Amino acid sequence: MGGEGFFSVAVPAFVWHATITYAPGIWLETFDYYVDRKAGMCLNLFSFLPLDNTRIDEMKGSALFRYLTRTPLFPTILGSSPFIHWENIDDSTAKATIKDDDISIEAIVRFDSKGTLESFESCQDINPETGHPVPGHFACRFSSYADAGGFRIPLLITSEIILPGGGYACAEYAITLVEFDTQDTPCQRRS
């Protein structure tokens, strides 16, 4: 699987595109997005035969959470964004709330002893009978931090989700290239 993502730091928005080789000569193309408060996921065989294209309002919250879990790639947004708010829990844990108009998502954020962000975990309900998170529970873990573009970012991201049937899915992403848009704004240009 290979892919690329584009993320906005001015407003919560992203587009993620990936190509998955299913077998020689057979590939799936996927899109995941949250743009202008619209969310969707598309899965196409050979890039043009739709297999599953979903665009429902219920996806907006999970898409906004996926945006939040990718903010460690753009660390300045974590402390300067007007749409992410922080609440301290203890020395190594905080609650982050991301809000886009009437959509709001909370996550538990854990840090190591040096203050490096280790994980985001969705604030989902716990099943009282089992003591385990309910289906849909999502977590992202970050490791292998390195310098990129003057920022310290994770190069390895592990995503975990509990599926509706109680199963567990995990994906690991290795970041191989980060390009920050460095276009000057009119106020930053020099003559």
N, C-alpha and C. Protein backbone atom coordinates (compact mmCIF):
# COMPACT_ATOMS: atom_id res chain seq x y z
N MET A 1 0.85 -1.17 0.00
CA MET A 1 0.00 0.00 0.00
C MET A 1 0.89 1.23 0.00
N GLY A 2 0.53 2.20 -0.77
CA GLY A 2 1.22 3.47 -0.76
C GLY A 2 0.19 4.57 -0.81
N GLY A 3 0.49 5.69 -0.22
CA GLY A 3 -0.51 6.75 -0.22
C GLY A 3 0.09 8.09 0.09
N GLU A 4 -0.76 9.09 0.01
CA GLU A 4 -0.36 10.44 0.34
C GLU A 4 -1.56 11.14 0.97
N GLY A 5 -1.25 12.10 1.81
CA GLY A 5 -2.29 12.86 2.48
C GLY A 5 -2.01 14.34 2.39
N PHE A 6 -3.06 15.11 2.34
CA PHE A 6 -2.96 16.57 2.32
C PHE A 6 -3.80 17.09 3.47
N PHE A 7 -3.20 17.96 4.31
CA PHE A 7 -3.86 18.42 5.51
C PHE A 7 -3.80 19.94 5.58
N SER A 8 -4.89 20.55 6.01
CA SER A 8 -4.94 21.99 6.20
C SER A 8 -4.66 22.31 7.66
N VAL A 9 -3.93 23.37 7.92
CA VAL A 9 -3.72 23.79 9.30
C VAL A 9 -4.58 25.00 9.64
N ALA A 10 -5.18 25.65 8.63
CA ALA A 10 -6.03 26.82 8.88
C ALA A 10 -7.41 26.42 9.38
N VAL A 11 -7.94 25.33 8.85
CA VAL A 11 -9.23 24.78 9.26
C VAL A 11 -9.07 23.27 9.27
N PRO A 12 -9.91 22.55 10.03
CA PRO A 12 -9.78 21.09 10.00
C PRO A 12 -10.22 20.56 8.63
N ALA A 13 -9.28 20.03 7.87
CA ALA A 13 -9.58 19.45 6.55
C ALA A 13 -8.42 18.56 6.13
N PHE A 14 -8.76 17.45 5.47
CA PHE A 14 -7.72 16.57 4.93
C PHE A 14 -8.28 15.77 3.76
N VAL A 15 -7.38 15.31 2.93
CA VAL A 15 -7.68 14.34 1.87
C VAL A 15 -6.59 13.30 1.94
N TRP A 16 -6.97 12.04 2.05
CA TRP A 16 -6.03 10.94 2.10
C TRP A 16 -6.31 10.07 0.88
N HIS A 17 -5.28 9.76 0.12
CA HIS A 17 -5.40 8.94 -1.08
C HIS A 17 -4.41 7.78 -0.97
N ALA A 18 -4.88 6.58 -1.22
CA ALA A 18 -3.99 5.41 -1.15
C ALA A 18 -4.32 4.43 -2.27
N THR A 19 -3.31 3.71 -2.70
CA THR A 19 -3.48 2.64 -3.68
C THR A 19 -3.00 1.35 -3.04
N ILE A 20 -3.85 0.36 -3.10
CA ILE A 20 -3.55 -0.93 -2.49
C ILE A 20 -3.46 -1.97 -3.59
N THR A 21 -2.34 -2.64 -3.72
CA THR A 21 -2.19 -3.71 -4.69
C THR A 21 -2.79 -4.97 -4.09
N TYR A 22 -3.88 -5.43 -4.68
CA TYR A 22 -4.58 -6.61 -4.19
C TYR A 22 -3.93 -7.89 -4.70
N ALA A 23 -3.57 -7.88 -5.97
CA ALA A 23 -2.87 -8.99 -6.63
C ALA A 23 -2.21 -8.39 -7.87
N PRO A 24 -1.28 -9.09 -8.50
CA PRO A 24 -0.64 -8.51 -9.68
C PRO A 24 -1.68 -8.08 -10.72
N GLY A 25 -1.63 -6.82 -11.09
CA GLY A 25 -2.56 -6.27 -12.08
C GLY A 25 -3.91 -5.87 -11.52
N ILE A 26 -4.12 -6.07 -10.23
CA ILE A 26 -5.40 -5.71 -9.60
C ILE A 26 -5.11 -4.78 -8.43
N TRP A 27 -5.69 -3.59 -8.47
CA TRP A 27 -5.46 -2.64 -7.40
C TRP A 27 -6.75 -1.95 -6.99
N LEU A 28 -6.74 -1.49 -5.77
CA LEU A 28 -7.85 -0.71 -5.22
C LEU A 28 -7.34 0.69 -4.94
N GLU A 29 -8.16 1.67 -5.22
CA GLU A 29 -7.81 3.05 -4.93
C GLU A 29 -8.80 3.57 -3.89
N THR A 30 -8.28 4.18 -2.85
CA THR A 30 -9.14 4.67 -1.77
C THR A 30 -8.93 6.16 -1.56
N PHE A 31 -10.02 6.81 -1.15
CA PHE A 31 -9.99 8.21 -0.76
C PHE A 31 -10.73 8.34 0.56
N ASP A 32 -10.17 9.09 1.46
CA ASP A 32 -10.80 9.40 2.74
C ASP A 32 -10.67 10.91 2.86
N TYR A 33 -11.75 11.60 3.18
CA TYR A 33 -11.65 13.06 3.22
C TYR A 33 -12.59 13.69 4.24
N TYR A 34 -12.20 14.87 4.66
CA TYR A 34 -13.03 15.77 5.46
C TYR A 34 -12.69 17.18 4.95
N VAL A 35 -13.58 17.74 4.16
CA VAL A 35 -13.36 19.05 3.54
C VAL A 35 -14.66 19.83 3.59
N ASP A 36 -14.59 21.07 4.03
CA ASP A 36 -15.78 21.94 4.12
C ASP A 36 -16.92 21.25 4.86
N ARG A 37 -16.58 20.57 5.96
CA ARG A 37 -17.55 19.89 6.82
C ARG A 37 -18.28 18.74 6.11
N LYS A 38 -17.68 18.23 5.06
CA LYS A 38 -18.21 17.06 4.37
C LYS A 38 -17.19 15.94 4.52
N ALA A 39 -17.68 14.72 4.77
CA ALA A 39 -16.79 13.59 4.97
C ALA A 39 -17.20 12.44 4.08
N GLY A 40 -16.22 11.64 3.69
CA GLY A 40 -16.54 10.47 2.88
C GLY A 40 -15.37 9.54 2.75
N MET A 41 -15.69 8.32 2.32
CA MET A 41 -14.68 7.32 2.00
C MET A 41 -15.11 6.66 0.69
N CYS A 42 -14.16 6.51 -0.20
CA CYS A 42 -14.44 5.91 -1.50
C CYS A 42 -13.45 4.78 -1.74
N LEU A 43 -13.94 3.68 -2.27
CA LEU A 43 -13.11 2.54 -2.61
C LEU A 43 -13.46 2.15 -4.04
N ASN A 44 -12.45 2.18 -4.92
CA ASN A 44 -12.67 1.90 -6.34
C ASN A 44 -11.71 0.81 -6.81
N LEU A 45 -12.24 -0.11 -7.59
CA LEU A 45 -11.42 -1.13 -8.23
C LEU A 45 -10.85 -0.55 -9.51
N PHE A 46 -9.56 -0.71 -9.74
CA PHE A 46 -8.87 -0.16 -10.91
C PHE A 46 -9.07 1.35 -11.05
N SER A 47 -9.27 2.05 -9.97
CA SER A 47 -9.39 3.51 -9.92
C SER A 47 -10.70 4.06 -10.48
N PHE A 48 -11.54 3.24 -11.10
CA PHE A 48 -12.75 3.82 -11.69
C PHE A 48 -14.03 3.02 -11.45
N LEU A 49 -13.95 1.79 -10.99
CA LEU A 49 -15.16 1.01 -10.70
C LEU A 49 -15.48 1.14 -9.21
N PRO A 50 -16.54 1.88 -8.86
CA PRO A 50 -16.84 2.08 -7.44
C PRO A 50 -17.27 0.77 -6.76
N LEU A 51 -16.63 0.47 -5.63
CA LEU A 51 -16.99 -0.69 -4.82
C LEU A 51 -17.78 -0.26 -3.60
N ASP A 52 -17.35 0.82 -2.97
CA ASP A 52 -18.02 1.31 -1.77
C ASP A 52 -17.71 2.79 -1.63
N ASN A 53 -18.68 3.62 -1.88
CA ASN A 53 -18.52 5.06 -1.74
C ASN A 53 -19.54 5.56 -0.73
N THR A 54 -19.05 6.00 0.40
CA THR A 54 -19.92 6.39 1.50
C THR A 54 -19.72 7.86 1.83
N ARG A 55 -20.83 8.58 1.86
CA ARG A 55 -20.81 9.99 2.23
C ARG A 55 -22.04 10.25 3.10
N ILE A 56 -21.90 9.95 4.38
CA ILE A 56 -23.04 10.15 5.29
C ILE A 56 -22.61 11.06 6.43
N ASP A 57 -23.59 11.74 7.02
CA ASP A 57 -23.29 12.68 8.09
C ASP A 57 -22.64 12.01 9.29
N GLU A 58 -22.95 10.72 9.55
CA GLU A 58 -22.39 10.03 10.69
C GLU A 58 -20.86 9.89 10.59
N MET A 59 -20.30 10.06 9.41
CA MET A 59 -18.85 9.93 9.22
C MET A 59 -18.10 11.18 9.64
N LYS A 60 -18.79 12.29 9.80
CA LYS A 60 -18.11 13.56 10.08
C LYS A 60 -17.30 13.50 11.38
N GLY A 61 -17.85 12.93 12.42
CA GLY A 61 -17.15 12.85 13.71
C GLY A 61 -15.90 12.00 13.62
N SER A 62 -16.01 10.83 13.00
CA SER A 62 -14.83 9.97 12.90
C SER A 62 -13.79 10.57 11.97
N ALA A 63 -14.22 11.28 10.92
CA ALA A 63 -13.26 11.94 10.03
C ALA A 63 -12.55 13.07 10.77
N LEU A 64 -13.28 13.82 11.59
CA LEU A 64 -12.66 14.89 12.37
C LEU A 64 -11.65 14.31 13.36
N PHE A 65 -11.97 13.14 13.94
CA PHE A 65 -11.02 12.47 14.83
C PHE A 65 -9.77 12.04 14.06
N ARG A 66 -9.95 11.52 12.84
CA ARG A 66 -8.78 11.14 12.03
C ARG A 66 -7.91 12.35 11.72
N TYR A 67 -8.53 13.50 11.52
CA TYR A 67 -7.74 14.72 11.32
C TYR A 67 -6.91 15.00 12.59
N LEU A 68 -7.56 14.93 13.74
CA LEU A 68 -6.87 15.20 15.00
C LEU A 68 -5.69 14.25 15.20
N THR A 69 -5.86 12.98 14.83
CA THR A 69 -4.78 12.01 15.03
C THR A 69 -3.61 12.21 14.09
N ARG A 70 -3.77 13.04 13.07
CA ARG A 70 -2.65 13.32 12.15
C ARG A 70 -1.95 14.64 12.48
N THR A 71 -2.43 15.37 13.46
CA THR A 71 -1.80 16.65 13.81
C THR A 71 -0.36 16.51 14.31
N PRO A 72 0.09 15.37 14.86
CA PRO A 72 1.51 15.29 15.22
C PRO A 72 2.45 15.48 14.02
N LEU A 73 1.93 15.30 12.81
CA LEU A 73 2.74 15.57 11.62
C LEU A 73 2.92 17.07 11.40
N PHE A 74 2.08 17.88 12.04
CA PHE A 74 2.13 19.34 11.95
C PHE A 74 2.09 19.89 13.37
N PRO A 75 3.15 19.71 14.14
CA PRO A 75 3.10 19.96 15.58
C PRO A 75 2.72 21.38 15.99
N THR A 76 2.96 22.38 15.16
CA THR A 76 2.60 23.74 15.57
C THR A 76 1.09 23.91 15.71
N ILE A 77 0.32 23.10 15.00
CA ILE A 77 -1.14 23.22 15.08
C ILE A 77 -1.66 22.80 16.45
N LEU A 78 -0.94 21.92 17.13
CA LEU A 78 -1.41 21.43 18.42
C LEU A 78 -1.49 22.52 19.48
N GLY A 79 -0.60 23.50 19.40
CA GLY A 79 -0.61 24.56 20.41
C GLY A 79 -1.18 25.87 19.94
N SER A 80 -1.40 26.03 18.64
CA SER A 80 -1.82 27.34 18.15
C SER A 80 -3.17 27.35 17.46
N SER A 81 -3.81 26.22 17.32
CA SER A 81 -5.06 26.15 16.59
C SER A 81 -6.23 26.67 17.42
N PRO A 82 -7.08 27.51 16.82
CA PRO A 82 -8.26 27.97 17.55
C PRO A 82 -9.36 26.90 17.64
N PHE A 83 -9.22 25.80 16.90
CA PHE A 83 -10.27 24.78 16.93
C PHE A 83 -9.88 23.54 17.73
N ILE A 84 -8.70 23.54 18.37
CA ILE A 84 -8.30 22.45 19.27
C ILE A 84 -8.10 23.03 20.66
N HIS A 85 -8.80 22.48 21.64
CA HIS A 85 -8.70 22.95 23.03
C HIS A 85 -8.16 21.82 23.90
N TRP A 86 -7.41 22.20 24.94
CA TRP A 86 -6.73 21.24 25.79
C TRP A 86 -7.20 21.36 27.23
N GLU A 87 -7.29 20.21 27.90
CA GLU A 87 -7.60 20.16 29.33
C GLU A 87 -6.62 19.18 29.98
N ASN A 88 -5.87 19.65 30.96
CA ASN A 88 -4.91 18.80 31.64
C ASN A 88 -5.62 17.77 32.51
N ILE A 89 -5.16 16.53 32.46
CA ILE A 89 -5.70 15.48 33.32
C ILE A 89 -4.68 15.15 34.41
N ASP A 90 -3.44 14.85 34.01
CA ASP A 90 -2.36 14.62 34.98
C ASP A 90 -1.03 14.91 34.28
N ASP A 91 0.09 14.49 34.89
CA ASP A 91 1.41 14.81 34.35
C ASP A 91 1.69 14.24 32.95
N SER A 92 1.00 13.18 32.58
CA SER A 92 1.27 12.55 31.29
C SER A 92 0.04 12.41 30.39
N THR A 93 -1.08 12.98 30.81
CA THR A 93 -2.32 12.81 30.06
C THR A 93 -3.10 14.12 29.98
N ALA A 94 -3.70 14.34 28.81
CA ALA A 94 -4.56 15.50 28.61
C ALA A 94 -5.76 15.09 27.77
N LYS A 95 -6.76 15.94 27.77
CA LYS A 95 -7.90 15.72 26.89
C LYS A 95 -7.86 16.80 25.82
N ALA A 96 -7.92 16.39 24.56
CA ALA A 96 -7.96 17.33 23.44
C ALA A 96 -9.37 17.31 22.87
N THR A 97 -9.92 18.48 22.62
CA THR A 97 -11.23 18.59 21.99
C THR A 97 -11.07 19.37 20.70
N ILE A 98 -11.48 18.78 19.60
CA ILE A 98 -11.45 19.46 18.31
C ILE A 98 -12.88 19.77 17.93
N LYS A 99 -13.09 21.01 17.47
CA LYS A 99 -14.45 21.47 17.17
C LYS A 99 -14.47 22.15 15.81
N ASP A 100 -15.44 21.78 15.00
CA ASP A 100 -15.68 22.42 13.71
C ASP A 100 -17.16 22.73 13.65
N ASP A 101 -17.50 23.98 13.97
CA ASP A 101 -18.88 24.44 14.06
C ASP A 101 -19.63 23.59 15.08
N ASP A 102 -20.60 22.76 14.67
CA ASP A 102 -21.38 21.99 15.63
C ASP A 102 -20.86 20.57 15.82
N ILE A 103 -19.76 20.21 15.19
CA ILE A 103 -19.16 18.88 15.35
C ILE A 103 -18.01 18.99 16.33
N SER A 104 -18.03 18.14 17.35
CA SER A 104 -16.99 18.19 18.37
C SER A 104 -16.59 16.76 18.74
N ILE A 105 -15.28 16.53 18.82
CA ILE A 105 -14.76 15.21 19.16
C ILE A 105 -13.70 15.37 20.26
N GLU A 106 -13.70 14.45 21.21
CA GLU A 106 -12.71 14.47 22.29
C GLU A 106 -11.79 13.26 22.19
N ALA A 107 -10.56 13.46 22.65
CA ALA A 107 -9.59 12.36 22.66
C ALA A 107 -8.73 12.47 23.91
N ILE A 108 -8.32 11.33 24.42
CA ILE A 108 -7.35 11.27 25.50
C ILE A 108 -5.97 11.22 24.84
N VAL A 109 -5.07 12.11 25.26
CA VAL A 109 -3.74 12.21 24.67
C VAL A 109 -2.72 11.87 25.74
N ARG A 110 -1.80 10.96 25.40
CA ARG A 110 -0.77 10.55 26.35
C ARG A 110 0.60 11.00 25.86
N PHE A 111 1.44 11.41 26.83
CA PHE A 111 2.78 11.90 26.55
C PHE A 111 3.79 11.07 27.34
N ASP A 112 5.02 10.94 26.83
CA ASP A 112 6.06 10.25 27.59
C ASP A 112 6.70 11.22 28.58
N SER A 113 7.71 10.78 29.31
CA SER A 113 8.33 11.60 30.35
C SER A 113 9.05 12.83 29.80
N LYS A 114 9.35 12.84 28.49
CA LYS A 114 10.00 14.00 27.87
C LYS A 114 8.98 14.96 27.24
N GLY A 115 7.70 14.61 27.32
CA GLY A 115 6.66 15.45 26.73
C GLY A 115 6.36 15.14 25.28
N THR A 116 6.92 14.04 24.76
CA THR A 116 6.65 13.64 23.38
C THR A 116 5.29 12.96 23.32
N LEU A 117 4.49 13.32 22.33
CA LEU A 117 3.16 12.75 22.18
C LEU A 117 3.26 11.28 21.81
N GLU A 118 2.63 10.42 22.61
CA GLU A 118 2.67 8.98 22.37
C GLU A 118 1.42 8.44 21.70
N SER A 119 0.22 8.98 22.08
CA SER A 119 -1.00 8.40 21.52
C SER A 119 -2.20 9.33 21.67
N PHE A 120 -3.15 9.10 20.78
CA PHE A 120 -4.51 9.66 20.86
C PHE A 120 -5.44 8.47 21.00
N GLU A 121 -6.42 8.59 21.87
CA GLU A 121 -7.40 7.53 22.03
C GLU A 121 -8.78 8.16 22.10
N SER A 122 -9.71 7.63 21.30
CA SER A 122 -11.05 8.23 21.28
C SER A 122 -11.72 8.08 22.63
N CYS A 123 -12.52 9.04 22.97
CA CYS A 123 -13.27 9.01 24.24
C CYS A 123 -14.58 8.28 24.00
N GLN A 124 -14.51 6.98 23.88
CA GLN A 124 -15.68 6.16 23.63
C GLN A 124 -16.14 5.53 24.94
N ASP A 125 -17.37 5.08 24.92
CA ASP A 125 -17.91 4.41 26.10
C ASP A 125 -17.23 3.07 26.33
N ILE A 126 -17.24 2.64 27.57
CA ILE A 126 -16.73 1.33 27.96
C ILE A 126 -17.93 0.43 28.23
N ASN A 127 -17.88 -0.79 27.71
CA ASN A 127 -18.95 -1.74 27.95
C ASN A 127 -18.90 -2.14 29.43
N PRO A 128 -19.97 -1.88 30.20
CA PRO A 128 -19.93 -2.18 31.65
C PRO A 128 -19.81 -3.67 31.96
N GLU A 129 -20.26 -4.53 31.05
CA GLU A 129 -20.19 -5.97 31.29
C GLU A 129 -18.78 -6.52 31.10
N THR A 130 -18.08 -6.01 30.09
CA THR A 130 -16.75 -6.55 29.77
C THR A 130 -15.61 -5.67 30.26
N GLY A 131 -15.90 -4.37 30.46
CA GLY A 131 -14.84 -3.44 30.84
C GLY A 131 -13.96 -3.04 29.67
N HIS A 132 -14.33 -3.46 28.45
CA HIS A 132 -13.57 -3.14 27.25
C HIS A 132 -14.26 -2.02 26.47
N PRO A 133 -13.51 -1.29 25.65
CA PRO A 133 -14.12 -0.24 24.84
C PRO A 133 -15.17 -0.82 23.88
N VAL A 134 -16.19 -0.01 23.59
CA VAL A 134 -17.25 -0.44 22.68
C VAL A 134 -16.72 -0.40 21.25
N PRO A 135 -17.41 -1.09 20.33
CA PRO A 135 -16.99 -1.03 18.92
C PRO A 135 -16.90 0.41 18.43
N GLY A 136 -15.94 0.64 17.57
CA GLY A 136 -15.69 1.98 17.07
C GLY A 136 -14.58 2.67 17.83
N HIS A 137 -14.17 2.09 18.95
CA HIS A 137 -13.08 2.67 19.73
C HIS A 137 -11.83 2.71 18.86
N PHE A 138 -11.16 3.85 18.86
CA PHE A 138 -10.04 4.07 17.95
C PHE A 138 -8.87 4.64 18.72
N ALA A 139 -7.67 4.19 18.37
CA ALA A 139 -6.46 4.73 18.99
C ALA A 139 -5.37 4.84 17.94
N CYS A 140 -4.52 5.84 18.09
CA CYS A 140 -3.34 6.03 17.23
C CYS A 140 -2.13 6.15 18.14
N ARG A 141 -1.07 5.41 17.81
CA ARG A 141 0.17 5.47 18.57
C ARG A 141 1.27 5.97 17.64
N PHE A 142 2.20 6.75 18.22
CA PHE A 142 3.25 7.40 17.44
C PHE A 142 4.61 7.02 17.98
N SER A 143 5.56 6.79 17.07
CA SER A 143 6.93 6.44 17.48
C SER A 143 7.90 6.81 16.37
N SER A 144 9.17 6.51 16.61
CA SER A 144 10.24 6.78 15.65
C SER A 144 10.27 8.25 15.23
N TYR A 145 10.31 9.13 16.21
CA TYR A 145 10.34 10.57 15.92
C TYR A 145 11.64 10.97 15.25
N ALA A 146 11.55 11.90 14.30
CA ALA A 146 12.72 12.42 13.59
C ALA A 146 12.45 13.87 13.21
N ASP A 147 13.53 14.58 12.87
CA ASP A 147 13.40 15.98 12.44
C ASP A 147 13.02 16.02 10.97
N ALA A 148 12.03 16.86 10.64
CA ALA A 148 11.60 17.06 9.26
C ALA A 148 11.13 18.50 9.11
N GLY A 149 11.77 19.24 8.23
CA GLY A 149 11.36 20.62 7.99
C GLY A 149 11.45 21.49 9.23
N GLY A 150 12.37 21.17 10.13
CA GLY A 150 12.50 21.95 11.35
C GLY A 150 11.56 21.53 12.47
N PHE A 151 10.80 20.48 12.25
CA PHE A 151 9.86 19.98 13.25
C PHE A 151 10.23 18.56 13.63
N ARG A 152 9.86 18.15 14.83
CA ARG A 152 10.06 16.78 15.28
C ARG A 152 8.73 16.06 15.11
N ILE A 153 8.71 15.09 14.20
CA ILE A 153 7.45 14.40 13.90
C ILE A 153 7.64 12.88 13.97
N PRO A 154 6.55 12.14 14.19
CA PRO A 154 6.65 10.67 14.21
C PRO A 154 6.73 10.13 12.78
N LEU A 155 7.58 9.13 12.57
CA LEU A 155 7.68 8.50 11.27
C LEU A 155 6.94 7.17 11.22
N LEU A 156 6.44 6.73 12.37
CA LEU A 156 5.67 5.49 12.43
C LEU A 156 4.38 5.76 13.19
N ILE A 157 3.25 5.44 12.55
CA ILE A 157 1.93 5.64 13.15
C ILE A 157 1.20 4.30 13.11
N THR A 158 0.69 3.89 14.24
CA THR A 158 -0.09 2.66 14.34
C THR A 158 -1.52 3.03 14.70
N SER A 159 -2.47 2.61 13.87
CA SER A 159 -3.89 2.87 14.11
C SER A 159 -4.58 1.57 14.49
N GLU A 160 -5.41 1.63 15.51
CA GLU A 160 -6.13 0.46 16.01
C GLU A 160 -7.59 0.80 16.16
N ILE A 161 -8.47 -0.14 15.77
CA ILE A 161 -9.91 0.08 15.92
C ILE A 161 -10.57 -1.22 16.34
N ILE A 162 -11.59 -1.08 17.18
CA ILE A 162 -12.41 -2.24 17.56
C ILE A 162 -13.61 -2.23 16.62
N LEU A 163 -13.80 -3.32 15.90
CA LEU A 163 -14.84 -3.43 14.89
C LEU A 163 -16.19 -3.76 15.53
N PRO A 164 -17.30 -3.50 14.79
CA PRO A 164 -18.63 -3.76 15.36
C PRO A 164 -18.83 -5.17 15.88
N GLY A 165 -18.25 -6.20 15.24
CA GLY A 165 -18.40 -7.58 15.70
C GLY A 165 -17.49 -7.91 16.87
N GLY A 166 -16.72 -6.93 17.37
CA GLY A 166 -15.82 -7.17 18.47
C GLY A 166 -14.41 -7.49 18.02
N GLY A 167 -14.21 -7.64 16.72
CA GLY A 167 -12.88 -7.91 16.19
C GLY A 167 -11.98 -6.68 16.31
N TYR A 168 -10.75 -6.87 15.96
CA TYR A 168 -9.74 -5.84 16.12
C TYR A 168 -9.00 -5.68 14.81
N ALA A 169 -8.80 -4.45 14.37
CA ALA A 169 -8.04 -4.19 13.15
C ALA A 169 -6.91 -3.22 13.48
N CYS A 170 -5.79 -3.43 12.83
CA CYS A 170 -4.62 -2.60 13.10
C CYS A 170 -3.94 -2.30 11.77
N ALA A 171 -3.49 -1.07 11.61
CA ALA A 171 -2.72 -0.67 10.43
C ALA A 171 -1.51 0.11 10.90
N GLU A 172 -0.40 -0.10 10.23
CA GLU A 172 0.83 0.60 10.58
C GLU A 172 1.28 1.40 9.35
N TYR A 173 1.57 2.68 9.57
CA TYR A 173 1.97 3.57 8.48
C TYR A 173 3.38 4.07 8.76
N ALA A 174 4.23 3.95 7.75
CA ALA A 174 5.58 4.49 7.84
C ALA A 174 5.63 5.74 6.97
N ILE A 175 5.95 6.86 7.57
CA ILE A 175 6.05 8.13 6.84
C ILE A 175 7.41 8.15 6.15
N THR A 176 7.40 8.31 4.83
CA THR A 176 8.66 8.31 4.10
C THR A 176 9.04 9.69 3.59
N LEU A 177 8.08 10.61 3.50
CA LEU A 177 8.36 11.95 3.01
C LEU A 177 7.34 12.91 3.57
N VAL A 178 7.80 14.05 4.03
CA VAL A 178 6.92 15.12 4.51
C VAL A 178 7.34 16.38 3.79
N GLU A 179 6.38 17.03 3.14
CA GLU A 179 6.63 18.30 2.48
C GLU A 179 5.68 19.34 3.06
N PHE A 180 6.23 20.39 3.63
CA PHE A 180 5.42 21.46 4.17
C PHE A 180 5.25 22.52 3.09
N ASP A 181 4.03 23.02 2.93
CA ASP A 181 3.78 24.09 1.98
C ASP A 181 4.44 25.35 2.52
N THR A 182 5.42 25.84 1.83
CA THR A 182 6.19 26.99 2.31
C THR A 182 5.96 28.23 1.46
N GLN A 183 4.85 28.27 0.73
CA GLN A 183 4.56 29.45 -0.08
C GLN A 183 4.41 30.65 0.83
N ASP A 184 5.06 31.72 0.44
CA ASP A 184 4.96 32.96 1.21
C ASP A 184 3.58 33.58 1.04
N THR A 185 3.07 34.11 2.12
CA THR A 185 1.85 34.91 2.02
C THR A 185 2.27 36.31 1.60
N PRO A 186 1.35 37.14 1.09
CA PRO A 186 1.74 38.48 0.63
C PRO A 186 2.47 39.27 1.71
N CYS A 187 2.13 39.09 2.99
CA CYS A 187 2.79 39.84 4.05
C CYS A 187 4.23 39.35 4.30
N GLN A 188 4.51 38.10 3.90
CA GLN A 188 5.84 37.54 4.16
C GLN A 188 6.81 37.77 3.00
N ARG A 189 6.29 38.13 1.83
CA ARG A 189 7.17 38.33 0.68
C ARG A 189 8.03 39.55 0.87
N ARG A 190 9.22 39.43 0.39
CA ARG A 190 10.15 40.57 0.46
C ARG A 190 10.50 41.00 -0.94
N SER A 191 10.60 42.31 -1.16
CA SER A 191 10.94 42.84 -2.49
C SER A 191 12.43 42.88 -2.66
